[in-house]
Structure formats: C-alpha cells, structure tokens
Amino acid sequence: MNNNTSFIPRTKLTDSFDSGNKKSSKIGLLSLLSIIMFIISIVLAGGVFLLGEYKTKAIQNKVASLERAKGSFEPALIEKLSKLDTRINSAKKVLNNHISVSIFLKLLEKLTLKTVRFSEFEFVKRDDGSFSVFMKGEANSYSSVALQSDMFGGNKFIQEPIFSNFKLNPSGNVLFDFSAVIDRSLILYENNIEK
C-alpha cells in the first residue's frame, strides 16, 4: 500500500493565491470607486444645499433692504409731488395750445399801409391748426391795394393772401375784402414768451 500521503499540494500555491487576489482586487476596486462616487455625490449635494441657503439669505437681505428704503420715503410727499407733476403737465398742455391773436394784430399794424384801413375782422381756427382771417378794407386807390398785397405776400406768416370784391365808394376810395391763412406758429403764445 503505497499511499503517499503528502501535505504538499501538487498544484502550485501561487496559482490558487493569484486567482483569489484577482477576484478580490476587482471587488476592491469597484468598492473603492463606488465609495468615491458616493462621497463626491454627498459633497455636491451639500454644496447645492449650501448654495441654495446662501441665495435664500441674500434674497431675504435684499427684500429687507428694499423695505427699509421704501419706508424711508414719505408717502405724503410722493403724493404731493405726483399731483404737482399732473398740474405742471396740464399747464404745459394749455400753454402749448394757447393762442394770442394780439400778436397777429401787431403784425397787421406793422404791415398795413397808411393809405389802407380795415374795418371788419373775423378770425377762425381751421381743421389743420392754422387760422383764417377775413377782413373788409378800404384803400385810397387800386395802387394802394396792390402795394398792400405785396406787403402781405412778402410775410411768411400770412399765407395765401387774397384781395377780392373790389368796389368804389361814393368818395372814390376802393372797398375790398381780404382773406388769408395765418401760420399757427405766429400766434402760439409759447413761441412769443420772452425768454
């Protein structure tokens, strides 16, 4: 009986140890990577949480600062200033549309010849914002009327001057009708305020 019992294994010891180490090193590497990913996830989650808290506190601080600034304004003063602004804007609107016929009358006085006089006067606002003037006049002669027509025609504020309905009165003077369009910029009060 030849039972050779031996405590020495017939296979190499390094082979059995190597196969176990390879398995354990693969499991160890996966475990290590999992732990690292878990730690990174926790750190990132903490960072997001802290950033959210920081933003929330910053917003709360800004809201509180805005409330303090709002409280420092005087509501009564703001209301008074708002009413004053409305009044100023209304006054500007009135002033922008206010006309002064006396300015045209001064121009008429300056341009009218001594041999011509006007008796009737009508001043009418037109749809386009300009004004029409209608007058009846009397001149010493037809040449005075022609000269008066040249005077009015040479002025930029008196547009479309028309002399019509010529007649002689018993004393030999020429009676006529006059109409023209007056430029709005001449009679706007705001254009004639001394600055």
N, C-alpha and C. Protein backbone atom coordinates (compact mmCIF):
# COMPACT_ATOMS: atom_id res chain seq x y z
N MET A 1 0.83 -1.14 0.00
CA MET A 1 0.00 0.00 0.00
C MET A 1 0.87 1.20 0.00
N ASN A 2 0.65 1.59 -1.01
CA ASN A 2 1.53 2.75 -1.17
C ASN A 2 0.66 3.99 -1.26
N ASN A 3 0.25 4.39 -0.18
CA ASN A 3 -0.49 5.66 -0.15
C ASN A 3 0.49 6.73 0.23
N ASN A 4 0.70 7.41 -0.72
CA ASN A 4 1.63 8.52 -0.43
C ASN A 4 0.80 9.71 -0.02
N THR A 5 0.76 9.84 1.18
CA THR A 5 0.05 11.00 1.69
C THR A 5 1.05 12.09 1.90
N SER A 6 0.67 13.16 1.37
CA SER A 6 1.61 14.26 1.48
C SER A 6 0.82 15.53 1.79
N PHE A 7 1.44 16.30 2.56
CA PHE A 7 0.83 17.59 2.90
C PHE A 7 1.19 18.67 1.90
N ILE A 8 1.92 18.34 0.99
CA ILE A 8 2.35 19.30 -0.02
C ILE A 8 1.39 19.17 -1.18
N PRO A 9 0.79 20.18 -1.51
CA PRO A 9 -0.15 20.10 -2.64
C PRO A 9 0.59 19.95 -3.94
N ARG A 10 -0.05 19.31 -4.85
CA ARG A 10 0.58 19.06 -6.12
C ARG A 10 0.43 20.25 -7.06
N THR A 11 -0.45 21.09 -6.76
CA THR A 11 -0.57 22.30 -7.57
C THR A 11 0.24 23.39 -6.92
N LYS A 12 0.52 24.34 -7.74
CA LYS A 12 1.33 25.44 -7.23
C LYS A 12 0.48 26.30 -6.33
N LEU A 13 1.08 26.72 -5.25
CA LEU A 13 0.38 27.57 -4.31
C LEU A 13 0.14 28.97 -4.90
N THR A 14 1.02 29.42 -5.68
CA THR A 14 0.88 30.77 -6.24
C THR A 14 -0.31 30.85 -7.15
N ASP A 15 -0.69 29.79 -7.81
CA ASP A 15 -1.84 29.83 -8.71
C ASP A 15 -3.12 30.04 -7.92
N SER A 16 -3.29 29.33 -6.81
CA SER A 16 -4.51 29.48 -6.04
C SER A 16 -4.57 30.84 -5.38
N PHE A 17 -3.44 31.36 -4.94
CA PHE A 17 -3.43 32.71 -4.34
C PHE A 17 -3.68 33.78 -5.39
N ASP A 18 -3.14 33.62 -6.58
CA ASP A 18 -3.30 34.63 -7.63
C ASP A 18 -4.75 34.73 -8.06
N SER A 19 -5.43 33.63 -8.23
CA SER A 19 -6.82 33.70 -8.68
C SER A 19 -7.70 34.35 -7.63
N GLY A 20 -7.45 34.15 -6.37
CA GLY A 20 -8.21 34.79 -5.29
C GLY A 20 -7.90 36.27 -5.22
N ASN A 21 -6.65 36.64 -5.42
CA ASN A 21 -6.27 38.06 -5.37
C ASN A 21 -6.90 38.83 -6.52
N LYS A 22 -6.97 38.23 -7.68
CA LYS A 22 -7.56 38.93 -8.83
C LYS A 22 -9.02 39.21 -8.57
N LYS A 23 -9.73 38.26 -8.00
CA LYS A 23 -11.15 38.45 -7.71
C LYS A 23 -11.32 39.50 -6.63
N SER A 24 -10.53 39.41 -5.60
CA SER A 24 -10.67 40.35 -4.51
C SER A 24 -10.21 41.74 -4.92
N SER A 25 -9.23 41.84 -5.83
CA SER A 25 -8.78 43.16 -6.26
C SER A 25 -9.84 43.80 -7.16
N LYS A 26 -10.57 43.00 -7.97
CA LYS A 26 -11.64 43.56 -8.79
C LYS A 26 -12.77 44.04 -7.90
N ILE A 27 -13.13 43.29 -6.92
CA ILE A 27 -14.18 43.67 -6.00
C ILE A 27 -13.73 44.88 -5.19
N GLY A 28 -12.49 44.93 -4.78
CA GLY A 28 -11.96 46.05 -4.01
C GLY A 28 -11.94 47.33 -4.83
N LEU A 29 -11.58 47.23 -6.11
CA LEU A 29 -11.52 48.40 -6.97
C LEU A 29 -12.92 48.96 -7.21
N LEU A 30 -13.90 48.07 -7.44
CA LEU A 30 -15.29 48.52 -7.64
C LEU A 30 -15.83 49.14 -6.37
N SER A 31 -15.51 48.57 -5.24
CA SER A 31 -15.96 49.13 -3.96
C SER A 31 -15.35 50.51 -3.75
N LEU A 32 -14.08 50.62 -4.05
CA LEU A 32 -13.39 51.90 -3.88
C LEU A 32 -14.00 52.97 -4.78
N LEU A 33 -14.27 52.62 -6.06
CA LEU A 33 -14.89 53.57 -6.98
C LEU A 33 -16.29 53.96 -6.52
N SER A 34 -17.05 53.00 -6.01
CA SER A 34 -18.40 53.27 -5.51
C SER A 34 -18.35 54.22 -4.31
N ILE A 35 -17.41 53.99 -3.44
CA ILE A 35 -17.28 54.85 -2.25
C ILE A 35 -16.88 56.26 -2.66
N ILE A 36 -15.95 56.38 -3.61
CA ILE A 36 -15.52 57.69 -4.08
C ILE A 36 -16.69 58.43 -4.74
N MET A 37 -17.48 57.73 -5.57
CA MET A 37 -18.64 58.36 -6.22
C MET A 37 -19.67 58.78 -5.18
N PHE A 38 -19.86 57.96 -4.17
CA PHE A 38 -20.80 58.29 -3.10
C PHE A 38 -20.35 59.54 -2.35
N ILE A 39 -19.08 59.62 -2.05
CA ILE A 39 -18.53 60.78 -1.33
C ILE A 39 -18.67 62.04 -2.19
N ILE A 40 -18.36 61.91 -3.49
CA ILE A 40 -18.48 63.06 -4.39
C ILE A 40 -19.94 63.51 -4.47
N SER A 41 -20.88 62.57 -4.51
CA SER A 41 -22.31 62.90 -4.56
C SER A 41 -22.73 63.64 -3.30
N ILE A 42 -22.25 63.16 -2.14
CA ILE A 42 -22.59 63.82 -0.88
C ILE A 42 -22.02 65.23 -0.85
N VAL A 43 -20.77 65.39 -1.28
CA VAL A 43 -20.14 66.72 -1.30
C VAL A 43 -20.91 67.66 -2.23
N LEU A 44 -21.26 67.18 -3.43
CA LEU A 44 -22.01 68.01 -4.37
C LEU A 44 -23.39 68.36 -3.83
N ALA A 45 -24.08 67.40 -3.23
CA ALA A 45 -25.40 67.67 -2.65
C ALA A 45 -25.29 68.71 -1.55
N GLY A 46 -24.26 68.59 -0.73
CA GLY A 46 -24.04 69.58 0.32
C GLY A 46 -23.75 70.96 -0.26
N GLY A 47 -22.96 71.00 -1.34
CA GLY A 47 -22.66 72.27 -2.00
C GLY A 47 -23.92 72.92 -2.56
N VAL A 48 -24.76 72.11 -3.20
CA VAL A 48 -26.01 72.65 -3.75
C VAL A 48 -26.90 73.16 -2.63
N PHE A 49 -26.98 72.42 -1.55
CA PHE A 49 -27.79 72.85 -0.40
C PHE A 49 -27.26 74.16 0.17
N LEU A 50 -25.95 74.25 0.36
CA LEU A 50 -25.36 75.47 0.92
C LEU A 50 -25.55 76.66 -0.03
N LEU A 51 -25.41 76.43 -1.34
CA LEU A 51 -25.63 77.50 -2.32
C LEU A 51 -27.07 77.97 -2.28
N GLY A 52 -28.01 77.04 -2.17
CA GLY A 52 -29.43 77.40 -2.06
C GLY A 52 -29.69 78.24 -0.82
N GLU A 53 -29.09 77.84 0.30
CA GLU A 53 -29.26 78.60 1.54
C GLU A 53 -28.66 80.01 1.40
N TYR A 54 -27.51 80.09 0.75
CA TYR A 54 -26.85 81.39 0.56
C TYR A 54 -27.74 82.31 -0.30
N LYS A 55 -28.29 81.75 -1.37
CA LYS A 55 -29.15 82.54 -2.26
C LYS A 55 -30.41 82.97 -1.52
N THR A 56 -30.99 82.10 -0.73
CA THR A 56 -32.20 82.43 0.01
C THR A 56 -31.93 83.57 0.99
N LYS A 57 -30.81 83.50 1.70
CA LYS A 57 -30.47 84.56 2.65
C LYS A 57 -30.18 85.87 1.93
N ALA A 58 -29.51 85.79 0.78
CA ALA A 58 -29.22 87.00 0.01
C ALA A 58 -30.52 87.67 -0.45
N ILE A 59 -31.48 86.87 -0.90
CA ILE A 59 -32.78 87.42 -1.33
C ILE A 59 -33.51 88.04 -0.14
N GLN A 60 -33.48 87.36 0.98
CA GLN A 60 -34.14 87.90 2.17
C GLN A 60 -33.50 89.23 2.60
N ASN A 61 -32.18 89.30 2.53
CA ASN A 61 -31.49 90.55 2.88
C ASN A 61 -31.87 91.68 1.93
N LYS A 62 -31.97 91.36 0.65
CA LYS A 62 -32.32 92.39 -0.33
C LYS A 62 -33.76 92.85 -0.15
N VAL A 63 -34.66 91.92 0.16
CA VAL A 63 -36.06 92.29 0.41
C VAL A 63 -36.15 93.19 1.63
N ALA A 64 -35.41 92.84 2.68
CA ALA A 64 -35.41 93.67 3.89
C ALA A 64 -34.84 95.05 3.60
N SER A 65 -33.78 95.12 2.80
CA SER A 65 -33.18 96.40 2.44
C SER A 65 -34.16 97.24 1.62
N LEU A 66 -34.88 96.59 0.71
CA LEU A 66 -35.86 97.29 -0.11
C LEU A 66 -37.00 97.83 0.75
N GLU A 67 -37.43 97.05 1.71
CA GLU A 67 -38.49 97.50 2.62
C GLU A 67 -38.02 98.70 3.44
N ARG A 68 -36.77 98.67 3.90
CA ARG A 68 -36.23 99.82 4.66
C ARG A 68 -36.18 101.05 3.78
N ALA A 69 -35.74 100.88 2.53
CA ALA A 69 -35.66 102.02 1.60
C ALA A 69 -37.05 102.55 1.29
N LYS A 70 -38.00 101.65 1.13
CA LYS A 70 -39.38 102.06 0.85
C LYS A 70 -39.95 102.84 2.03
N GLY A 71 -39.63 102.40 3.22
CA GLY A 71 -40.11 103.08 4.43
C GLY A 71 -39.50 104.45 4.61
N SER A 72 -38.30 104.66 4.04
CA SER A 72 -37.64 105.96 4.23
C SER A 72 -38.27 107.06 3.37
N PHE A 73 -38.99 106.68 2.31
CA PHE A 73 -39.70 107.68 1.50
C PHE A 73 -40.96 108.12 2.24
N GLU A 74 -41.31 109.37 2.03
CA GLU A 74 -42.51 109.88 2.67
C GLU A 74 -43.67 109.77 1.68
N PRO A 75 -44.64 108.92 1.96
CA PRO A 75 -45.77 108.74 1.04
C PRO A 75 -46.54 110.05 0.79
N ALA A 76 -46.67 110.88 1.80
CA ALA A 76 -47.39 112.14 1.63
C ALA A 76 -46.66 113.06 0.64
N LEU A 77 -45.32 113.10 0.75
CA LEU A 77 -44.54 113.92 -0.17
C LEU A 77 -44.63 113.39 -1.60
N ILE A 78 -44.58 112.07 -1.74
CA ILE A 78 -44.70 111.46 -3.07
C ILE A 78 -46.04 111.81 -3.69
N GLU A 79 -47.11 111.77 -2.91
CA GLU A 79 -48.44 112.10 -3.42
C GLU A 79 -48.52 113.57 -3.84
N LYS A 80 -47.93 114.47 -3.02
CA LYS A 80 -47.92 115.90 -3.37
C LYS A 80 -47.15 116.14 -4.66
N LEU A 81 -45.98 115.50 -4.79
CA LEU A 81 -45.18 115.67 -5.99
C LEU A 81 -45.88 115.11 -7.22
N SER A 82 -46.61 114.02 -7.05
CA SER A 82 -47.36 113.43 -8.16
C SER A 82 -48.46 114.39 -8.63
N LYS A 83 -49.16 115.01 -7.68
CA LYS A 83 -50.21 115.98 -8.03
C LYS A 83 -49.61 117.20 -8.71
N LEU A 84 -48.46 117.66 -8.20
CA LEU A 84 -47.79 118.81 -8.80
C LEU A 84 -47.36 118.50 -10.23
N ASP A 85 -46.86 117.28 -10.46
CA ASP A 85 -46.46 116.87 -11.80
C ASP A 85 -47.66 116.89 -12.75
N THR A 86 -48.80 116.41 -12.28
CA THR A 86 -50.02 116.42 -13.09
C THR A 86 -50.42 117.85 -13.44
N ARG A 87 -50.33 118.75 -12.48
CA ARG A 87 -50.69 120.16 -12.72
C ARG A 87 -49.72 120.80 -13.73
N ILE A 88 -48.44 120.51 -13.57
CA ILE A 88 -47.44 121.08 -14.49
C ILE A 88 -47.69 120.59 -15.91
N ASN A 89 -47.97 119.30 -16.05
CA ASN A 89 -48.24 118.74 -17.39
C ASN A 89 -49.51 119.35 -17.98
N SER A 90 -50.53 119.58 -17.15
CA SER A 90 -51.75 120.22 -17.64
C SER A 90 -51.48 121.65 -18.08
N ALA A 91 -50.67 122.37 -17.31
CA ALA A 91 -50.33 123.75 -17.66
C ALA A 91 -49.54 123.80 -18.96
N LYS A 92 -48.62 122.85 -19.14
CA LYS A 92 -47.86 122.79 -20.40
C LYS A 92 -48.79 122.56 -21.58
N LYS A 93 -49.77 121.68 -21.40
CA LYS A 93 -50.70 121.38 -22.48
C LYS A 93 -51.51 122.62 -22.83
N VAL A 94 -51.98 123.34 -21.81
CA VAL A 94 -52.75 124.56 -22.06
C VAL A 94 -51.87 125.59 -22.75
N LEU A 95 -50.65 125.76 -22.28
CA LEU A 95 -49.74 126.74 -22.86
C LEU A 95 -49.39 126.38 -24.30
N ASN A 96 -49.19 125.10 -24.59
CA ASN A 96 -48.87 124.69 -25.95
C ASN A 96 -49.99 124.97 -26.94
N ASN A 97 -51.22 125.01 -26.46
CA ASN A 97 -52.36 125.24 -27.34
C ASN A 97 -52.94 126.65 -27.24
N HIS A 98 -52.39 127.47 -26.37
CA HIS A 98 -52.90 128.83 -26.18
C HIS A 98 -52.44 129.73 -27.33
N ILE A 99 -53.38 130.45 -27.88
CA ILE A 99 -53.02 131.37 -28.96
C ILE A 99 -53.20 132.81 -28.50
N SER A 100 -52.47 133.68 -29.13
CA SER A 100 -52.54 135.10 -28.81
C SER A 100 -52.77 135.88 -30.09
N VAL A 101 -54.02 136.27 -30.31
CA VAL A 101 -54.40 136.99 -31.52
C VAL A 101 -53.73 138.36 -31.56
N SER A 102 -53.43 138.90 -30.39
CA SER A 102 -52.82 140.24 -30.35
C SER A 102 -51.49 140.28 -31.09
N ILE A 103 -50.80 139.16 -31.16
CA ILE A 103 -49.53 139.11 -31.90
C ILE A 103 -49.79 139.31 -33.38
N PHE A 104 -50.87 138.70 -33.89
CA PHE A 104 -51.22 138.93 -35.30
C PHE A 104 -51.64 140.39 -35.51
N LEU A 105 -52.38 140.95 -34.56
CA LEU A 105 -52.82 142.34 -34.70
C LEU A 105 -51.63 143.30 -34.74
N LYS A 106 -50.60 143.00 -33.96
CA LYS A 106 -49.37 143.84 -34.01
C LYS A 106 -48.70 143.72 -35.37
N LEU A 107 -48.65 142.50 -35.92
CA LEU A 107 -48.07 142.32 -37.24
C LEU A 107 -48.91 143.05 -38.29
N LEU A 108 -50.22 142.96 -38.17
CA LEU A 108 -51.11 143.65 -39.10
C LEU A 108 -50.88 145.16 -39.04
N GLU A 109 -50.73 145.68 -37.83
CA GLU A 109 -50.46 147.12 -37.66
C GLU A 109 -49.15 147.51 -38.34
N LYS A 110 -48.16 146.66 -38.19
CA LYS A 110 -46.84 146.95 -38.77
C LYS A 110 -46.86 146.91 -40.30
N LEU A 111 -47.64 145.97 -40.88
CA LEU A 111 -47.64 145.78 -42.32
C LEU A 111 -48.66 146.63 -43.08
N THR A 112 -49.64 147.18 -42.38
CA THR A 112 -50.70 147.94 -43.07
C THR A 112 -50.19 149.33 -43.46
N LEU A 113 -50.43 149.66 -44.71
CA LEU A 113 -50.02 150.98 -45.23
C LEU A 113 -50.91 152.07 -44.63
N LYS A 114 -50.43 153.30 -44.65
CA LYS A 114 -51.20 154.42 -44.11
C LYS A 114 -52.38 154.77 -45.01
N THR A 115 -52.31 154.35 -46.25
CA THR A 115 -53.40 154.64 -47.18
C THR A 115 -54.46 153.54 -47.19
N VAL A 116 -54.33 152.54 -46.30
CA VAL A 116 -55.26 151.41 -46.23
C VAL A 116 -55.76 151.29 -44.79
N ARG A 117 -57.05 150.95 -44.68
CA ARG A 117 -57.58 150.67 -43.34
C ARG A 117 -58.53 149.48 -43.42
N PHE A 118 -58.65 148.77 -42.30
CA PHE A 118 -59.52 147.60 -42.24
C PHE A 118 -60.63 147.88 -41.25
N SER A 119 -61.85 147.43 -41.59
CA SER A 119 -63.00 147.75 -40.73
C SER A 119 -63.56 146.52 -40.02
N GLU A 120 -63.73 145.43 -40.68
CA GLU A 120 -64.29 144.23 -40.05
C GLU A 120 -63.19 143.18 -39.92
N PHE A 121 -63.32 142.36 -38.89
CA PHE A 121 -62.26 141.38 -38.61
C PHE A 121 -62.90 140.09 -38.12
N GLU A 122 -62.54 138.99 -38.75
CA GLU A 122 -63.02 137.66 -38.32
C GLU A 122 -61.82 136.72 -38.32
N PHE A 123 -61.67 136.01 -37.23
CA PHE A 123 -60.52 135.12 -37.04
C PHE A 123 -61.07 133.73 -36.72
N VAL A 124 -60.75 132.71 -37.57
CA VAL A 124 -61.36 131.38 -37.45
C VAL A 124 -60.28 130.31 -37.45
N LYS A 125 -60.41 129.37 -36.52
CA LYS A 125 -59.47 128.25 -36.47
C LYS A 125 -59.87 127.21 -37.52
N ARG A 126 -58.87 126.72 -38.25
CA ARG A 126 -59.12 125.71 -39.29
C ARG A 126 -58.81 124.32 -38.75
N ASP A 127 -59.21 123.31 -39.49
CA ASP A 127 -59.02 121.91 -39.06
C ASP A 127 -57.55 121.53 -38.94
N ASP A 128 -56.69 122.12 -39.74
CA ASP A 128 -55.26 121.75 -39.72
C ASP A 128 -54.47 122.49 -38.64
N GLY A 129 -55.15 123.31 -37.82
CA GLY A 129 -54.47 124.02 -36.74
C GLY A 129 -54.08 125.44 -37.09
N SER A 130 -54.11 125.77 -38.36
CA SER A 130 -53.83 127.16 -38.76
C SER A 130 -55.10 127.98 -38.57
N PHE A 131 -55.02 129.27 -38.87
CA PHE A 131 -56.16 130.16 -38.68
C PHE A 131 -56.41 130.94 -39.96
N SER A 132 -57.69 131.23 -40.21
CA SER A 132 -58.07 132.06 -41.35
C SER A 132 -58.49 133.42 -40.82
N VAL A 133 -58.14 134.44 -41.57
CA VAL A 133 -58.56 135.79 -41.21
C VAL A 133 -59.35 136.35 -42.39
N PHE A 134 -60.47 137.02 -42.07
CA PHE A 134 -61.31 137.69 -43.07
C PHE A 134 -61.50 139.13 -42.61
N MET A 135 -61.24 140.07 -43.52
CA MET A 135 -61.39 141.48 -43.17
C MET A 135 -61.99 142.23 -44.36
N LYS A 136 -62.65 143.32 -44.04
CA LYS A 136 -63.09 144.26 -45.07
C LYS A 136 -62.17 145.45 -44.97
N GLY A 137 -61.78 145.98 -46.12
CA GLY A 137 -60.85 147.09 -46.11
C GLY A 137 -61.23 148.21 -47.06
N GLU A 138 -60.51 149.31 -46.89
CA GLU A 138 -60.71 150.48 -47.74
C GLU A 138 -59.34 151.09 -48.03
N ALA A 139 -59.10 151.42 -49.30
CA ALA A 139 -57.81 151.99 -49.70
C ALA A 139 -58.07 153.26 -50.52
N ASN A 140 -57.08 154.14 -50.58
CA ASN A 140 -57.21 155.37 -51.35
C ASN A 140 -57.27 155.11 -52.84
N SER A 141 -56.60 154.02 -53.29
CA SER A 141 -56.55 153.74 -54.73
C SER A 141 -56.25 152.26 -54.95
N TYR A 142 -56.37 151.86 -56.22
CA TYR A 142 -56.03 150.48 -56.57
C TYR A 142 -54.53 150.22 -56.39
N SER A 143 -53.73 151.22 -56.60
CA SER A 143 -52.28 151.02 -56.41
C SER A 143 -51.96 150.78 -54.93
N SER A 144 -52.71 151.41 -54.03
CA SER A 144 -52.51 151.15 -52.60
C SER A 144 -52.87 149.70 -52.27
N VAL A 145 -53.93 149.19 -52.90
CA VAL A 145 -54.34 147.79 -52.68
C VAL A 145 -53.24 146.85 -53.20
N ALA A 146 -52.70 147.18 -54.37
CA ALA A 146 -51.64 146.35 -54.95
C ALA A 146 -50.40 146.36 -54.07
N LEU A 147 -50.05 147.54 -53.56
CA LEU A 147 -48.89 147.65 -52.66
C LEU A 147 -49.14 146.89 -51.35
N GLN A 148 -50.36 146.98 -50.85
CA GLN A 148 -50.72 146.25 -49.63
C GLN A 148 -50.63 144.74 -49.87
N SER A 149 -51.05 144.31 -51.05
CA SER A 149 -50.96 142.89 -51.40
C SER A 149 -49.51 142.42 -51.40
N ASP A 150 -48.61 143.25 -51.90
CA ASP A 150 -47.18 142.92 -51.89
C ASP A 150 -46.64 142.83 -50.46
N MET A 151 -47.10 143.74 -49.60
CA MET A 151 -46.63 143.73 -48.19
C MET A 151 -47.05 142.42 -47.50
N PHE A 152 -48.32 142.04 -47.68
CA PHE A 152 -48.80 140.82 -47.05
C PHE A 152 -48.17 139.58 -47.69
N GLY A 153 -48.01 139.61 -49.00
CA GLY A 153 -47.44 138.47 -49.71
C GLY A 153 -45.99 138.21 -49.36
N GLY A 154 -45.27 139.24 -48.92
CA GLY A 154 -43.86 139.08 -48.56
C GLY A 154 -43.64 138.59 -47.14
N ASN A 155 -44.70 138.39 -46.37
CA ASN A 155 -44.56 137.95 -44.98
C ASN A 155 -44.80 136.44 -44.90
N LYS A 156 -43.91 135.72 -44.21
CA LYS A 156 -44.02 134.26 -44.15
C LYS A 156 -45.18 133.77 -43.29
N PHE A 157 -45.70 134.60 -42.40
CA PHE A 157 -46.80 134.18 -41.52
C PHE A 157 -48.16 134.38 -42.16
N ILE A 158 -48.26 135.26 -43.16
CA ILE A 158 -49.52 135.49 -43.87
C ILE A 158 -49.44 134.72 -45.18
N GLN A 159 -50.21 133.65 -45.23
CA GLN A 159 -50.15 132.76 -46.38
C GLN A 159 -51.46 132.86 -47.17
N GLU A 160 -51.35 132.69 -48.46
CA GLU A 160 -52.50 132.73 -49.37
C GLU A 160 -53.32 134.02 -49.23
N PRO A 161 -52.68 135.20 -49.27
CA PRO A 161 -53.46 136.44 -49.16
C PRO A 161 -54.28 136.68 -50.42
N ILE A 162 -55.58 136.93 -50.22
CA ILE A 162 -56.47 137.15 -51.36
C ILE A 162 -57.25 138.45 -51.15
N PHE A 163 -57.16 139.35 -52.12
CA PHE A 163 -57.95 140.58 -52.15
C PHE A 163 -59.05 140.36 -53.18
N SER A 164 -60.31 140.66 -52.83
CA SER A 164 -61.42 140.40 -53.76
C SER A 164 -62.55 141.42 -53.54
N ASN A 165 -63.58 141.30 -54.37
CA ASN A 165 -64.79 142.14 -54.29
C ASN A 165 -64.47 143.64 -54.29
N PHE A 166 -63.74 144.07 -55.28
CA PHE A 166 -63.36 145.49 -55.36
C PHE A 166 -64.58 146.33 -55.77
N LYS A 167 -64.77 147.44 -55.07
CA LYS A 167 -65.84 148.40 -55.38
C LYS A 167 -65.32 149.80 -55.05
N LEU A 168 -65.88 150.77 -55.71
CA LEU A 168 -65.58 152.16 -55.37
C LEU A 168 -66.73 152.69 -54.52
N ASN A 169 -66.39 153.38 -53.45
CA ASN A 169 -67.43 154.01 -52.65
C ASN A 169 -67.70 155.42 -53.21
N PRO A 170 -68.71 156.11 -52.72
CA PRO A 170 -69.05 157.43 -53.26
C PRO A 170 -67.90 158.45 -53.20
N SER A 171 -66.99 158.30 -52.23
CA SER A 171 -65.89 159.25 -52.14
C SER A 171 -64.71 158.87 -53.03
N GLY A 172 -64.80 157.75 -53.78
CA GLY A 172 -63.77 157.34 -54.72
C GLY A 172 -62.73 156.40 -54.14
N ASN A 173 -62.90 155.98 -52.88
CA ASN A 173 -61.97 155.01 -52.28
C ASN A 173 -62.36 153.59 -52.71
N VAL A 174 -61.37 152.71 -52.71
CA VAL A 174 -61.59 151.32 -53.13
C VAL A 174 -61.95 150.49 -51.91
N LEU A 175 -63.11 149.83 -51.99
CA LEU A 175 -63.52 148.89 -50.94
C LEU A 175 -63.14 147.49 -51.41
N PHE A 176 -62.72 146.65 -50.48
CA PHE A 176 -62.31 145.28 -50.86
C PHE A 176 -62.49 144.35 -49.68
N ASP A 177 -62.46 143.05 -50.01
CA ASP A 177 -62.46 142.00 -48.98
C ASP A 177 -61.07 141.38 -48.99
N PHE A 178 -60.61 140.97 -47.82
CA PHE A 178 -59.29 140.35 -47.71
C PHE A 178 -59.43 139.05 -46.92
N SER A 179 -58.77 138.01 -47.38
CA SER A 179 -58.72 136.75 -46.63
C SER A 179 -57.31 136.18 -46.74
N ALA A 180 -56.91 135.46 -45.71
CA ALA A 180 -55.58 134.85 -45.70
C ALA A 180 -55.56 133.74 -44.66
N VAL A 181 -54.54 132.93 -44.76
CA VAL A 181 -54.28 131.87 -43.76
C VAL A 181 -53.11 132.36 -42.91
N ILE A 182 -53.28 132.29 -41.59
CA ILE A 182 -52.24 132.75 -40.67
C ILE A 182 -51.53 131.52 -40.10
N ASP A 183 -50.21 131.52 -40.22
CA ASP A 183 -49.41 130.40 -39.69
C ASP A 183 -49.58 130.31 -38.18
N ARG A 184 -49.87 129.12 -37.71
CA ARG A 184 -50.11 128.89 -36.27
C ARG A 184 -48.91 129.28 -35.41
N SER A 185 -47.71 129.09 -35.93
CA SER A 185 -46.51 129.39 -35.13
C SER A 185 -46.40 130.87 -34.78
N LEU A 186 -47.03 131.73 -35.57
CA LEU A 186 -47.01 133.17 -35.28
C LEU A 186 -47.76 133.49 -34.01
N ILE A 187 -48.91 132.87 -33.84
CA ILE A 187 -49.79 133.27 -32.75
C ILE A 187 -49.75 132.34 -31.54
N LEU A 188 -48.94 131.30 -31.59
CA LEU A 188 -48.81 130.45 -30.39
C LEU A 188 -48.13 131.24 -29.29
N TYR A 189 -48.76 131.25 -28.15
CA TYR A 189 -48.28 132.05 -27.03
C TYR A 189 -46.88 131.63 -26.59
N GLU A 190 -46.62 130.32 -26.59
CA GLU A 190 -45.33 129.82 -26.12
C GLU A 190 -44.17 130.28 -27.00
N ASN A 191 -44.45 130.53 -28.29
CA ASN A 191 -43.40 131.00 -29.19
C ASN A 191 -43.06 132.48 -28.99
N ASN A 192 -43.94 133.18 -28.28
CA ASN A 192 -43.78 134.62 -28.12
C ASN A 192 -43.45 135.04 -26.69
N ILE A 193 -43.19 134.07 -25.84
CA ILE A 193 -42.79 134.40 -24.47
C ILE A 193 -41.35 134.85 -24.48
N GLU A 194 -41.11 135.94 -23.82
CA GLU A 194 -39.72 136.42 -23.76
C GLU A 194 -38.94 135.51 -22.84
N LYS A 195 -37.84 135.00 -23.37
CA LYS A 195 -37.04 134.03 -22.61
C LYS A 195 -35.79 134.66 -22.07
